Amino acid sequence: IYYIIIISLSCFYQKQDFVNILNIITDHLVFNIFIIKNI
């Protein structure tokens, strides 16, 4: 799901903004993985 979002966002945002979005998404992924591991 996240990869699809990244691909779709890359079509609308410039490269610099896309990098920022990638950072936000990866942080979100790490946070989700952390929660899953805790559960």
N, C-alpha and C. Protein backbone atom coordinates (compact mmCIF):
# COMPACT_ATOMS: atom_id res chain seq x y z
N ILE A 1 0.84 -1.20 0.00
CA ILE A 1 0.00 0.00 0.00
C ILE A 1 0.89 1.26 0.00
N TYR A 2 1.92 1.27 0.81
CA TYR A 2 2.78 2.43 0.92
C TYR A 2 3.52 2.69 -0.39
N TYR A 3 3.92 1.61 -1.07
CA TYR A 3 4.64 1.77 -2.33
C TYR A 3 3.75 2.39 -3.39
N ILE A 4 2.48 2.01 -3.39
CA ILE A 4 1.52 2.57 -4.33
C ILE A 4 1.34 4.07 -4.05
N ILE A 5 1.29 4.42 -2.78
CA ILE A 5 1.14 5.83 -2.40
C ILE A 5 2.37 6.62 -2.85
N ILE A 6 3.55 6.04 -2.66
CA ILE A 6 4.79 6.71 -3.06
C ILE A 6 4.80 6.93 -4.57
N ILE A 7 4.41 5.93 -5.32
CA ILE A 7 4.40 6.04 -6.77
C ILE A 7 3.40 7.10 -7.22
N SER A 8 2.24 7.12 -6.61
CA SER A 8 1.21 8.09 -6.98
C SER A 8 1.64 9.51 -6.62
N LEU A 9 2.29 9.66 -5.47
CA LEU A 9 2.73 10.98 -5.04
C LEU A 9 3.85 11.50 -5.93
N SER A 10 4.67 10.61 -6.43
CA SER A 10 5.81 11.01 -7.25
C SER A 10 5.35 11.65 -8.56
N CYS A 11 4.10 11.40 -8.94
CA CYS A 11 3.57 11.96 -10.17
C CYS A 11 3.11 13.41 -9.97
N PHE A 12 2.89 13.81 -8.73
CA PHE A 12 2.31 15.12 -8.46
C PHE A 12 3.29 16.10 -7.81
N TYR A 13 4.33 15.56 -7.18
CA TYR A 13 5.24 16.43 -6.45
C TYR A 13 6.60 16.49 -7.12
N GLN A 14 7.30 17.59 -6.90
CA GLN A 14 8.65 17.71 -7.42
C GLN A 14 9.59 16.81 -6.61
N LYS A 15 10.81 16.68 -7.08
CA LYS A 15 11.75 15.75 -6.46
C LYS A 15 12.04 16.11 -5.01
N GLN A 16 12.23 17.38 -4.74
CA GLN A 16 12.55 17.79 -3.36
C GLN A 16 11.40 17.48 -2.42
N ASP A 17 10.20 17.81 -2.86
CA ASP A 17 9.02 17.52 -2.04
C ASP A 17 8.85 16.01 -1.90
N PHE A 18 9.17 15.30 -2.97
CA PHE A 18 9.02 13.84 -2.96
C PHE A 18 9.96 13.22 -1.92
N VAL A 19 11.15 13.76 -1.80
CA VAL A 19 12.10 13.25 -0.81
C VAL A 19 11.56 13.47 0.60
N ASN A 20 10.97 14.64 0.82
CA ASN A 20 10.39 14.93 2.14
C ASN A 20 9.25 13.98 2.45
N ILE A 21 8.45 13.70 1.43
CA ILE A 21 7.32 12.78 1.61
C ILE A 21 7.84 11.38 1.91
N LEU A 22 8.91 10.99 1.22
CA LEU A 22 9.51 9.67 1.46
C LEU A 22 9.97 9.57 2.91
N ASN A 23 10.58 10.63 3.40
CA ASN A 23 11.06 10.64 4.79
C ASN A 23 9.89 10.49 5.76
N ILE A 24 8.81 11.18 5.48
CA ILE A 24 7.63 11.11 6.34
C ILE A 24 7.03 9.71 6.31
N ILE A 25 6.93 9.15 5.10
CA ILE A 25 6.33 7.82 4.96
C ILE A 25 7.20 6.76 5.63
N THR A 26 8.51 6.86 5.45
CA THR A 26 9.41 5.87 6.05
C THR A 26 9.36 5.97 7.57
N ASP A 27 9.26 7.19 8.09
CA ASP A 27 9.12 7.36 9.54
C ASP A 27 7.82 6.73 10.01
N HIS A 28 6.78 6.88 9.22
CA HIS A 28 5.48 6.31 9.56
C HIS A 28 5.57 4.78 9.52
N LEU A 29 6.29 4.25 8.55
CA LEU A 29 6.46 2.80 8.44
C LEU A 29 7.21 2.26 9.64
N VAL A 30 8.27 2.94 10.03
CA VAL A 30 9.07 2.50 11.18
C VAL A 30 8.21 2.52 12.43
N PHE A 31 7.37 3.54 12.56
CA PHE A 31 6.49 3.67 13.71
C PHE A 31 5.48 2.52 13.74
N ASN A 32 4.94 2.17 12.57
CA ASN A 32 3.98 1.07 12.48
C ASN A 32 4.64 -0.26 12.82
N ILE A 33 5.84 -0.47 12.31
CA ILE A 33 6.57 -1.71 12.58
C ILE A 33 6.86 -1.81 14.08
N PHE A 34 7.20 -0.69 14.70
CA PHE A 34 7.50 -0.66 16.12
C PHE A 34 6.26 -1.06 16.93
N ILE A 35 5.11 -0.56 16.52
CA ILE A 35 3.86 -0.89 17.21
C ILE A 35 3.53 -2.37 17.03
N ILE A 36 3.70 -2.86 15.81
CA ILE A 36 3.41 -4.27 15.54
C ILE A 36 4.30 -5.17 16.38
N LYS A 37 5.57 -4.81 16.51
CA LYS A 37 6.49 -5.62 17.31
C LYS A 37 6.10 -5.59 18.78
N ASN A 38 5.64 -4.45 19.24
CA ASN A 38 5.23 -4.34 20.64
C ASN A 38 3.99 -5.18 20.91
N ILE A 39 3.09 -5.22 19.95
CA ILE A 39 1.88 -6.02 20.12
C ILE A 39 2.26 -7.50 20.07
